[in-house]
PDB file of N, CA and C in Angstrom:
ATOM      1  N   MET A   1       0.837  -1.164   0.000  1.00  0.00           N
ATOM      2  CA  MET A   1       0.000   0.000   0.000  1.00  0.00           C
ATOM      3  C   MET A   1       0.892   1.240   0.000  1.00  0.00           C
ATOM      4  N   GLU A   2       0.534   2.188  -0.820  1.00  0.00           N
ATOM      5  CA  GLU A   2       1.253   3.458  -0.847  1.00  0.00           C
ATOM      6  C   GLU A   2       0.560   4.440   0.092  1.00  0.00           C
ATOM      7  N   LEU A   3       1.333   5.034   0.979  1.00  0.00           N
ATOM      8  CA  LEU A   3       0.804   6.001   1.938  1.00  0.00           C
ATOM      9  C   LEU A   3       1.263   7.398   1.575  1.00  0.00           C
ATOM     10  N   PRO A   4       0.448   8.413   1.888  1.00  0.00           N
ATOM     11  CA  PRO A   4       0.925   9.788   1.719  1.00  0.00           C
ATOM     12  C   PRO A   4       2.031  10.063   2.724  1.00  0.00           C
ATOM     13  N   LYS A   5       2.868  11.042   2.413  1.00  0.00           N
ATOM     14  CA  LYS A   5       3.984  11.381   3.294  1.00  0.00           C
ATOM     15  C   LYS A   5       3.496  11.880   4.654  1.00  0.00           C
ATOM     16  N   TYR A   6       2.393  12.632   4.661  1.00  0.00           N
ATOM     17  CA  TYR A   6       1.818  13.163   5.892  1.00  0.00           C
ATOM     18  C   TYR A   6       0.346  12.791   5.984  1.00  0.00           C
ATOM     19  N   ILE A   7      -0.114  12.578   7.210  1.00  0.00           N
ATOM     20  CA  ILE A   7      -1.523  12.282   7.485  1.00  0.00           C
ATOM     21  C   ILE A   7      -1.941  13.118   8.691  1.00  0.00           C
ATOM     22  N   LEU A   8      -3.118  13.745   8.618  1.00  0.00           N
ATOM     23  CA  LEU A   8      -3.665  14.458   9.774  1.00  0.00           C
ATOM     24  C   LEU A   8      -4.385  13.479  10.680  1.00  0.00           C
ATOM     25  N   GLY A   9      -4.286  13.701  11.980  1.00  0.00           N
ATOM     26  CA  GLY A   9      -4.991  12.843  12.924  1.00  0.00           C
ATOM     27  C   GLY A   9      -5.558  13.665  14.065  1.00  0.00           C
ATOM     28  N   ASP A  10      -6.697  13.208  14.583  1.00  0.00           N
ATOM     29  CA  ASP A  10      -7.247  13.839  15.775  1.00  0.00           C
ATOM     30  C   ASP A  10      -7.809  12.755  16.673  1.00  0.00           C
ATOM     31  N   ASN A  11      -8.123  13.152  17.892  1.00  0.00           N
ATOM     32  CA  ASN A  11      -8.612  12.209  18.873  1.00  0.00           C
ATOM     33  C   ASN A  11      -9.410  12.996  19.902  1.00  0.00           C
ATOM     34  N   THR A  12     -10.624  12.554  20.183  1.00  0.00           N
ATOM     35  CA  THR A  12     -11.478  13.289  21.118  1.00  0.00           C
ATOM     36  C   THR A  12     -10.932  13.287  22.549  1.00  0.00           C
ATOM     37  N   ASP A  13     -10.018  12.360  22.865  1.00  0.00           N
ATOM     38  CA  ASP A  13      -9.391  12.378  24.185  1.00  0.00           C
ATOM     39  C   ASP A  13      -8.405  13.540  24.325  1.00  0.00           C
ATOM     40  N   PHE A  14      -8.001  14.117  23.197  1.00  0.00           N
ATOM     41  CA  PHE A  14      -7.074  15.249  23.164  1.00  0.00           C
ATOM     42  C   PHE A  14      -7.692  16.350  22.299  1.00  0.00           C
ATOM     43  N   PRO A  15      -8.713  17.035  22.812  1.00  0.00           N
ATOM     44  CA  PRO A  15      -9.496  17.948  21.979  1.00  0.00           C
ATOM     45  C   PRO A  15      -8.715  19.132  21.404  1.00  0.00           C
ATOM     46  N   ASN A  16      -7.633  19.540  22.024  1.00  0.00           N
ATOM     47  CA  ASN A  16      -6.864  20.681  21.528  1.00  0.00           C
ATOM     48  C   ASN A  16      -5.679  20.267  20.662  1.00  0.00           C
ATOM     49  N   ALA A  17      -5.398  18.983  20.592  1.00  0.00           N
ATOM     50  CA  ALA A  17      -4.241  18.492  19.859  1.00  0.00           C
ATOM     51  C   ALA A  17      -4.524  18.430  18.365  1.00  0.00           C
ATOM     52  N   ILE A  18      -3.492  18.730  17.585  1.00  0.00           N
ATOM     53  CA  ILE A  18      -3.521  18.575  16.135  1.00  0.00           C
ATOM     54  C   ILE A  18      -2.328  17.696  15.802  1.00  0.00           C
ATOM     55  N   PHE A  19      -2.594  16.448  15.413  1.00  0.00           N
ATOM     56  CA  PHE A  19      -1.528  15.508  15.132  1.00  0.00           C
ATOM     57  C   PHE A  19      -1.254  15.440  13.632  1.00  0.00           C
ATOM     58  N   VAL A  20       0.033  15.449  13.290  1.00  0.00           N
ATOM     59  CA  VAL A  20       0.466  15.177  11.924  1.00  0.00           C
ATOM     60  C   VAL A  20       1.378  13.963  12.009  1.00  0.00           C
ATOM     61  N   ILE A  21       1.063  12.944  11.209  1.00  0.00           N
ATOM     62  CA  ILE A  21       1.845  11.711  11.176  1.00  0.00           C
ATOM     63  C   ILE A  21       2.712  11.736   9.936  1.00  0.00           C
ATOM     64  N   HIS A  22       4.010  11.577  10.111  1.00  0.00           N
ATOM     65  CA  HIS A  22       4.975  11.537   9.012  1.00  0.00           C
ATOM     66  C   HIS A  22       5.277  10.066   8.746  1.00  0.00           C
ATOM     67  N   THR A  23       4.956   9.583   7.546  1.00  0.00           N
ATOM     68  CA  THR A  23       5.037   8.150   7.261  1.00  0.00           C
ATOM     69  C   THR A  23       6.341   7.719   6.604  1.00  0.00           C
ATOM     70  N   ASP A  24       7.171   8.675   6.150  1.00  0.00           N
ATOM     71  CA  ASP A  24       8.477   8.342   5.577  1.00  0.00           C
ATOM     72  C   ASP A  24       9.509   8.271   6.697  1.00  0.00           C
ATOM     73  N   PHE A  25      10.657   7.686   6.399  1.00  0.00           N
ATOM     74  CA  PHE A  25      11.736   7.666   7.384  1.00  0.00           C
ATOM     75  C   PHE A  25      12.275   9.070   7.571  1.00  0.00           C
ATOM     76  N   PRO A  26      12.458   9.503   8.753  1.00  0.00           N
ATOM     77  CA  PRO A  26      12.132   8.867  10.020  1.00  0.00           C
ATOM     78  C   PRO A  26      10.661   9.110  10.377  1.00  0.00           C
ATOM     79  N   ARG A  27       9.956   8.050  10.675  1.00  0.00           N
ATOM     80  CA  ARG A  27       8.530   8.155  10.987  1.00  0.00           C
ATOM     81  C   ARG A  27       8.344   8.780  12.367  1.00  0.00           C
ATOM     82  N   PHE A  28       7.367   9.687  12.440  1.00  0.00           N
ATOM     83  CA  PHE A  28       7.075  10.335  13.712  1.00  0.00           C
ATOM     84  C   PHE A  28       5.665  10.887  13.699  1.00  0.00           C
ATOM     85  N   ILE A  29       5.199  11.236  14.894  1.00  0.00           N
ATOM     86  CA  ILE A  29       3.936  11.947  15.073  1.00  0.00           C
ATOM     87  C   ILE A  29       4.275  13.223  15.822  1.00  0.00           C
ATOM     88  N   ILE A  30       3.780  14.343  15.314  1.00  0.00           N
ATOM     89  CA  ILE A  30       3.991  15.622  15.994  1.00  0.00           C
ATOM     90  C   ILE A  30       2.636  16.189  16.392  1.00  0.00           C
ATOM     91  N   ASN A  31       2.572  16.693  17.588  1.00  0.00           N
ATOM     92  CA  ASN A  31       1.393  17.394  18.065  1.00  0.00           C
ATOM     93  C   ASN A  31       1.672  18.881  17.848  1.00  0.00           C
ATOM     94  N   LEU A  32       0.998  19.490  16.887  1.00  0.00           N
ATOM     95  CA  LEU A  32       1.264  20.880  16.558  1.00  0.00           C
ATOM     96  C   LEU A  32       0.812  21.847  17.650  1.00  0.00           C
ATOM     97  N   GLU A  33       0.028  21.366  18.603  1.00  0.00           N
ATOM     98  CA  GLU A  33      -0.380  22.219  19.715  1.00  0.00           C
ATOM     99  C   GLU A  33       0.833  22.643  20.540  1.00  0.00           C
ATOM    100  N   ASP A  34       1.763  21.695  20.751  1.00  0.00           N
ATOM    101  CA  ASP A  34       2.922  21.989  21.600  1.00  0.00           C
ATOM    102  C   ASP A  34       4.257  21.551  20.980  1.00  0.00           C
ATOM    103  N   ASP A  35       4.227  21.122  19.712  1.00  0.00           N
ATOM    104  CA  ASP A  35       5.418  20.663  18.967  1.00  0.00           C
ATOM    105  C   ASP A  35       6.089  19.453  19.608  1.00  0.00           C
ATOM    106  N   GLU A  36       5.359  18.700  20.413  1.00  0.00           N
ATOM    107  CA  GLU A  36       5.903  17.466  20.983  1.00  0.00           C
ATOM    108  C   GLU A  36       5.969  16.410  19.881  1.00  0.00           C
ATOM    109  N   VAL A  37       7.099  15.713  19.802  1.00  0.00           N
ATOM    110  CA  VAL A  37       7.326  14.715  18.762  1.00  0.00           C
ATOM    111  C   VAL A  37       7.483  13.339  19.394  1.00  0.00           C
ATOM    112  N   GLU A  38       6.805  12.372  18.822  1.00  0.00           N
ATOM    113  CA  GLU A  38       6.956  10.966  19.214  1.00  0.00           C
ATOM    114  C   GLU A  38       7.552  10.238  18.013  1.00  0.00           C
ATOM    115  N   TRP A  39       8.765   9.732  18.185  1.00  0.00           N
ATOM    116  CA  TRP A  39       9.452   9.026  17.100  1.00  0.00           C
ATOM    117  C   TRP A  39       8.973   7.579  17.051  1.00  0.00           C
ATOM    118  N   LEU A  40       8.764   7.082  15.860  1.00  0.00           N
ATOM    119  CA  LEU A  40       8.332   5.699  15.658  1.00  0.00           C
ATOM    120  C   LEU A  40       9.477   4.843  15.134  1.00  0.00           C
ATOM    121  N   GLU A  41      10.677   5.321  15.319  1.00  0.00           N
ATOM    122  CA  GLU A  41      11.895   4.645  14.881  1.00  0.00           C
ATOM    123  C   GLU A  41      12.853   4.518  16.063  1.00  0.00           C
ATOM    124  N   ASP A  42      13.755   3.569  15.972  1.00  0.00           N
ATOM    125  CA  ASP A  42      14.869   3.471  16.911  1.00  0.00           C
ATOM    126  C   ASP A  42      16.100   4.026  16.212  1.00  0.00           C
ATOM    127  N   PHE A  43      16.874   4.844  16.911  1.00  0.00           N
ATOM    128  CA  PHE A  43      18.030   5.501  16.317  1.00  0.00           C
ATOM    129  C   PHE A  43      19.301   5.112  17.040  1.00  0.00           C
ATOM    130  N   ASP A  44      20.394   5.026  16.267  1.00  0.00           N
ATOM    131  CA  ASP A  44      21.703   4.863  16.900  1.00  0.00           C
ATOM    132  C   ASP A  44      22.346   6.250  17.005  1.00  0.00           C
ATOM    133  N   GLN A  45      23.546   6.328  17.551  1.00  0.00           N
ATOM    134  CA  GLN A  45      24.181   7.628  17.785  1.00  0.00           C
ATOM    135  C   GLN A  45      24.393   8.396  16.481  1.00  0.00           C
ATOM    136  N   HIS A  46      24.775   7.701  15.417  1.00  0.00           N
ATOM    137  CA  HIS A  46      24.977   8.362  14.122  1.00  0.00           C
ATOM    138  C   HIS A  46      23.675   8.961  13.624  1.00  0.00           C
ATOM    139  N   ASP A  47      22.590   8.193  13.715  1.00  0.00           N
ATOM    140  CA  ASP A  47      21.284   8.677  13.276  1.00  0.00           C
ATOM    141  C   ASP A  47      20.841   9.893  14.082  1.00  0.00           C
ATOM    142  N   GLU A  48      21.100   9.876  15.383  1.00  0.00           N
ATOM    143  CA  GLU A  48      20.661  10.968  16.247  1.00  0.00           C
ATOM    144  C   GLU A  48      21.322  12.286  15.863  1.00  0.00           C
ATOM    145  N   LYS A  49      22.599  12.244  15.502  1.00  0.00           N
ATOM    146  CA  LYS A  49      23.285  13.475  15.094  1.00  0.00           C
ATOM    147  C   LYS A  49      22.692  14.004  13.792  1.00  0.00           C
ATOM    148  N   GLU A  50      22.439  13.117  12.852  1.00  0.00           N
ATOM    149  CA  GLU A  50      21.841  13.521  11.579  1.00  0.00           C
ATOM    150  C   GLU A  50      20.420  14.038  11.801  1.00  0.00           C
ATOM    151  N   LEU A  51      19.702  13.385  12.691  1.00  0.00           N
ATOM    152  CA  LEU A  51      18.324  13.773  12.985  1.00  0.00           C
ATOM    153  C   LEU A  51      18.249  15.178  13.585  1.00  0.00           C
ATOM    154  N   GLU A  52      19.191  15.511  14.449  1.00  0.00           N
ATOM    155  CA  GLU A  52      19.217  16.848  15.037  1.00  0.00           C
ATOM    156  C   GLU A  52      19.318  17.915  13.949  1.00  0.00           C
ATOM    157  N   LEU A  53      20.104  17.636  12.913  1.00  0.00           N
ATOM    158  CA  LEU A  53      20.267  18.587  11.813  1.00  0.00           C
ATOM    159  C   LEU A  53      19.001  18.694  10.971  1.00  0.00           C
ATOM    160  N   GLU A  54      18.263  17.610  10.834  1.00  0.00           N
ATOM    161  CA  GLU A  54      17.091  17.543   9.970  1.00  0.00           C
ATOM    162  C   GLU A  54      15.789  17.885  10.692  1.00  0.00           C
ATOM    163  N   MET A  55      15.818  17.917  12.009  1.00  0.00           N
ATOM    164  CA  MET A  55      14.605  18.094  12.812  1.00  0.00           C
ATOM    165  C   MET A  55      13.807  19.331  12.415  1.00  0.00           C
ATOM    166  N   GLU A  56      14.456  20.460  12.255  1.00  0.00           N
ATOM    167  CA  GLU A  56      13.746  21.693  11.916  1.00  0.00           C
ATOM    168  C   GLU A  56      13.029  21.552  10.570  1.00  0.00           C
ATOM    169  N   ASN A  57      13.678  20.947   9.584  1.00  0.00           N
ATOM    170  CA  ASN A  57      13.057  20.740   8.275  1.00  0.00           C
ATOM    171  C   ASN A  57      11.841  19.824   8.377  1.00  0.00           C
ATOM    172  N   LEU A  58      11.944  18.772   9.186  1.00  0.00           N
ATOM    173  CA  LEU A  58      10.829  17.836   9.345  1.00  0.00           C
ATOM    174  C   LEU A  58       9.627  18.526   9.992  1.00  0.00           C
ATOM    175  N   ILE A  59       9.853  19.307  11.019  1.00  0.00           N
ATOM    176  CA  ILE A  59       8.766  20.019  11.687  1.00  0.00           C
ATOM    177  C   ILE A  59       8.165  21.075  10.761  1.00  0.00           C
ATOM    178  N   ASN A  60       9.009  21.793  10.030  1.00  0.00           N
ATOM    179  CA  ASN A  60       8.500  22.780   9.072  1.00  0.00           C
ATOM    180  C   ASN A  60       7.660  22.108   7.990  1.00  0.00           C
ATOM    181  N   GLY A  61       8.083  20.932   7.530  1.00  0.00           N
ATOM    182  CA  GLY A  61       7.315  20.197   6.532  1.00  0.00           C
ATOM    183  C   GLY A  61       5.956  19.776   7.057  1.00  0.00           C
ATOM    184  N   ALA A  62       5.906  19.304   8.287  1.00  0.00           N
ATOM    185  CA  ALA A  62       4.638  18.894   8.897  1.00  0.00           C
ATOM    186  C   ALA A  62       3.714  20.096   9.078  1.00  0.00           C
ATOM    187  N   THR A  63       4.272  21.221   9.494  1.00  0.00           N
ATOM    188  CA  THR A  63       3.473  22.430   9.675  1.00  0.00           C
ATOM    189  C   THR A  63       2.951  22.955   8.341  1.00  0.00           C
ATOM    190  N   ALA A  64       3.784  22.936   7.315  1.00  0.00           N
ATOM    191  CA  ALA A  64       3.361  23.377   5.981  1.00  0.00           C
ATOM    192  C   ALA A  64       2.250  22.477   5.447  1.00  0.00           C
ATOM    193  N   PHE A  65       2.360  21.173   5.679  1.00  0.00           N
ATOM    194  CA  PHE A  65       1.309  20.245   5.260  1.00  0.00           C
ATOM    195  C   PHE A  65      -0.005  20.604   5.948  1.00  0.00           C
ATOM    196  N   TYR A  66       0.036  20.820   7.250  1.00  0.00           N
ATOM    197  CA  TYR A  66      -1.176  21.182   7.988  1.00  0.00           C
ATOM    198  C   TYR A  66      -1.786  22.470   7.439  1.00  0.00           C
ATOM    199  N   ASP A  67      -0.964  23.489   7.243  1.00  0.00           N
ATOM    200  CA  ASP A  67      -1.463  24.765   6.720  1.00  0.00           C
ATOM    201  C   ASP A  67      -2.111  24.578   5.345  1.00  0.00           C
ATOM    202  N   ARG A  68      -1.502  23.771   4.492  1.00  0.00           N
ATOM    203  CA  ARG A  68      -2.057  23.510   3.165  1.00  0.00           C
ATOM    204  C   ARG A  68      -3.402  22.803   3.258  1.00  0.00           C
ATOM    205  N   GLU A  69      -3.496  21.802   4.132  1.00  0.00           N
ATOM    206  CA  GLU A  69      -4.742  21.059   4.279  1.00  0.00           C
ATOM    207  C   GLU A  69      -5.857  21.952   4.807  1.00  0.00           C
ATOM    208  N   ILE A  70      -5.564  22.784   5.784  1.00  0.00           N
ATOM    209  CA  ILE A  70      -6.579  23.685   6.345  1.00  0.00           C
ATOM    210  C   ILE A  70      -7.025  24.691   5.286  1.00  0.00           C
ATOM    211  N   ALA A  71      -6.103  25.193   4.493  1.00  0.00           N
ATOM    212  CA  ALA A  71      -6.469  26.124   3.425  1.00  0.00           C
ATOM    213  C   ALA A  71      -7.400  25.456   2.426  1.00  0.00           C
ATOM    214  N   ARG A  72      -7.184  24.191   2.143  1.00  0.00           N
ATOM    215  CA  ARG A  72      -8.052  23.458   1.212  1.00  0.00           C
ATOM    216  C   ARG A  72      -9.448  23.254   1.792  1.00  0.00           C
ATOM    217  N   TYR A  73      -9.543  23.050   3.100  1.00  0.00           N
ATOM    218  CA  TYR A  73     -10.863  22.913   3.740  1.00  0.00           C
ATOM    219  C   TYR A  73     -11.639  24.226   3.669  1.00  0.00           C
ATOM    220  N   GLU A  74     -10.919  25.324   3.782  1.00  0.00           N
ATOM    221  CA  GLU A  74     -11.554  26.632   3.805  1.00  0.00           C
ATOM    222  C   GLU A  74     -12.055  27.053   2.436  1.00  0.00           C
ATOM    223  N   ASP A  75     -11.506  26.481   1.365  1.00  0.00           N
ATOM    224  CA  ASP A  75     -11.925  26.841  -0.012  1.00  0.00           C
ATOM    225  C   ASP A  75     -13.266  26.329  -0.372  1.00  0.00           C
TER     226      ASP A  75
END
């Protein structure tokens, strides 16, 4: 099955949370309410250093996806 790179998620147990799920490596879920990230991958020390450099781009990508989706709902 082919998945989109990003998926929006919500949950009534977390009414203020806006979740974006990133399905490509490195897979993660970010809560845009507080920018908390839950990684769905295990990383070694080499990966962690690379991830620190890429983290800002990944969060910006998730935020841009959310903004695009909301703009499409508003149209």
